[in-house]
Amino acid sequence: MNEATERRYSIDELAALVELPRRTVRYYIQQGLVDRPHGSRRAAYYTNRHLEQLLEIRKWQRAGLSLERIRELLRAPEQGELPPPRPRGRGSVEVWSHVVIDPGIELHLAPDQANLSPEQVRTLARELVALVDRIRKGGRT
């Protein structure tokens, strides 16, 4: 599709398509995550490129990535599906899931590294609870 025939969206249409508030779309543009619109003021419009960028951001957010990490991914897409995590450094901030298996027994998961869906994490927790019960009863593992 060339520029003359490409679908054009208003900010309201674009926001509705990606199920985000207009304010969030504008914030992503301000942060450099999404290209600026074509035109200016009331004549500004968005294209499929903007739609694709917003869908990509939403995909990474649902995978648990921060906007900072998403920015890195968008700037270096040639690194593949999920680039290796940044090296852990002094003062780095990480998000971990904390699953209580039993009093005194806990499981800590890094969602961006574990590669498990929420349902798979729940299954893992159920299996670990059952394993602890079997061990305590003197059963075989």
Protein backbone atom coordinates (compact mmCIF):
# COMPACT_ATOMS: atom_id res chain seq x y z
CA MET A 1 0.00 0.00 0.00
CA ASN A 2 1.49 3.37 -0.89
CA GLU A 3 1.26 6.52 1.18
CA ALA A 4 -1.69 7.90 -0.79
CA THR A 5 -3.84 4.79 -0.25
CA GLU A 6 -2.67 3.78 3.23
CA ARG A 7 -5.38 3.69 5.90
CA ARG A 8 -5.38 6.77 8.12
CA TYR A 9 -6.57 6.79 11.71
CA SER A 10 -7.49 9.58 14.09
CA ILE A 11 -6.06 9.34 17.60
CA ASP A 12 -9.49 8.18 18.81
CA GLU A 13 -9.67 5.40 16.19
CA LEU A 14 -6.11 4.28 16.90
CA ALA A 15 -6.64 4.26 20.66
CA ALA A 16 -9.85 2.25 20.26
CA LEU A 17 -8.15 -0.32 18.01
CA VAL A 18 -5.41 -1.04 20.57
CA GLU A 19 -7.73 -0.61 23.57
CA LEU A 20 -5.66 2.14 25.17
CA PRO A 21 -6.59 5.61 26.37
CA ARG A 22 -5.60 8.46 24.05
CA ARG A 23 -3.46 9.80 26.86
CA THR A 24 -1.40 6.58 26.89
CA VAL A 25 -0.87 6.73 23.11
CA ARG A 26 0.34 10.32 23.45
CA TYR A 27 2.64 9.31 26.31
CA TYR A 28 4.21 6.56 24.19
CA ILE A 29 4.81 9.10 21.41
CA GLN A 30 6.34 11.55 23.90
CA GLN A 31 8.62 8.76 25.21
CA GLY A 32 9.77 7.86 21.70
CA LEU A 33 8.17 4.39 21.74
CA VAL A 34 5.79 5.29 18.89
CA ASP A 35 6.47 7.51 15.87
CA ARG A 36 4.99 10.98 15.84
CA PRO A 37 1.78 11.36 13.81
CA HIS A 38 1.81 12.62 10.23
CA GLY A 39 0.57 16.18 9.86
CA SER A 40 -0.01 18.49 12.76
CA ARG A 41 -2.71 19.57 15.16
CA ARG A 42 -6.20 18.73 13.89
CA ALA A 43 -4.81 17.41 10.59
CA ALA A 44 -2.62 14.84 12.39
CA TYR A 45 -3.22 11.23 11.46
CA TYR A 46 -1.81 7.79 12.22
CA THR A 47 -1.12 4.82 9.96
CA ASN A 48 -0.78 1.06 10.19
CA ARG A 49 2.84 1.60 11.26
CA HIS A 50 1.60 3.33 14.43
CA LEU A 51 -0.91 0.55 14.99
CA GLU A 52 1.83 -2.10 14.68
CA GLN A 53 4.08 -0.21 17.10
CA LEU A 54 1.33 0.00 19.73
CA LEU A 55 0.46 -3.69 19.34
CA GLU A 56 4.13 -4.58 19.77
CA ILE A 57 4.34 -2.52 22.97
CA ARG A 58 1.20 -4.19 24.31
CA LYS A 59 2.63 -7.64 23.53
CA TRP A 60 5.81 -6.93 25.48
CA GLN A 61 3.90 -5.39 28.38
CA ARG A 62 1.74 -8.49 28.66
CA ALA A 63 4.97 -10.50 28.79
CA GLY A 64 5.88 -8.51 31.89
CA LEU A 65 8.50 -6.18 30.43
CA SER A 66 9.00 -2.60 31.60
CA LEU A 67 8.70 0.33 29.20
CA GLU A 68 12.45 0.82 29.55
CA ARG A 69 13.09 -2.75 28.38
CA ILE A 70 10.50 -2.40 25.59
CA ARG A 71 12.32 0.71 24.38
CA GLU A 72 15.52 -1.35 24.15
CA LEU A 73 13.74 -4.09 22.19
CA LEU A 74 12.20 -1.62 19.75
CA ARG A 75 15.58 -0.04 19.10
CA ALA A 76 17.31 -3.40 18.47
CA PRO A 77 14.72 -5.76 16.90
CA GLU A 78 17.40 -7.82 15.14
CA GLN A 79 18.25 -9.51 18.44
CA GLY A 80 15.44 -12.00 17.99
CA GLU A 81 12.25 -12.88 19.84
CA LEU A 82 13.56 -12.18 23.33
CA PRO A 83 17.07 -10.85 23.76
CA PRO A 84 19.18 -12.10 26.64
CA PRO A 85 18.42 -10.32 29.88
CA ARG A 86 20.59 -7.42 30.85
CA PRO A 87 23.38 -8.37 33.21
CA ARG A 88 22.45 -7.89 36.84
CA GLY A 89 24.27 -4.95 38.25
CA ARG A 90 24.48 -3.07 41.45
CA GLY A 91 21.29 -1.11 41.95
CA SER A 92 19.36 -2.91 39.19
CA VAL A 93 15.66 -3.41 39.76
CA GLU A 94 14.00 -6.74 38.95
CA VAL A 95 10.42 -7.95 39.24
CA TRP A 96 9.98 -11.40 40.74
CA SER A 97 6.91 -13.51 41.45
CA HIS A 98 6.75 -15.01 44.91
CA VAL A 99 4.81 -18.29 45.37
CA VAL A 100 4.28 -19.73 48.85
CA ILE A 101 4.37 -23.53 48.65
CA ASP A 102 4.10 -24.16 52.40
CA PRO A 103 5.24 -22.32 55.53
CA GLY A 104 8.99 -21.98 55.14
CA ILE A 105 8.99 -23.09 51.50
CA GLU A 106 8.79 -20.47 48.77
CA LEU A 107 9.38 -20.32 45.05
CA HIS A 108 10.74 -17.19 43.40
CA LEU A 109 10.35 -16.73 39.65
CA ALA A 110 11.59 -14.05 37.28
CA PRO A 111 8.67 -13.82 34.81
CA ASP A 112 10.82 -12.53 31.94
CA GLN A 113 13.25 -15.45 32.34
CA ALA A 114 11.05 -18.36 33.46
CA ASN A 115 9.19 -18.59 30.14
CA LEU A 116 6.09 -19.98 31.90
CA SER A 117 2.52 -18.84 31.42
CA PRO A 118 0.50 -17.93 34.54
CA GLU A 119 -1.37 -21.26 34.21
CA GLN A 120 1.93 -23.15 34.02
CA VAL A 121 3.13 -21.36 37.17
CA ARG A 122 -0.08 -22.40 38.96
CA THR A 123 0.45 -26.01 37.81
CA LEU A 124 4.05 -25.90 39.03
CA ALA A 125 2.89 -24.61 42.43
CA ARG A 126 0.24 -27.36 42.74
CA GLU A 127 2.79 -30.04 41.83
CA LEU A 128 5.31 -28.69 44.36
CA VAL A 129 2.66 -28.64 47.11
CA ALA A 130 1.81 -32.27 46.31
CA LEU A 131 5.50 -33.21 46.29
CA VAL A 132 6.08 -31.63 49.71
CA ASP A 133 3.06 -33.54 51.07
CA ARG A 134 4.42 -36.85 49.70
CA ILE A 135 7.87 -36.22 51.14
CA ARG A 136 6.47 -35.39 54.59
CA LYS A 137 4.39 -38.58 54.57
CA GLY A 138 7.53 -40.58 53.83
CA GLY A 139 6.36 -41.47 50.34
CA ARG A 140 8.55 -41.91 47.33
CA THR A 141 9.22 -38.97 45.08
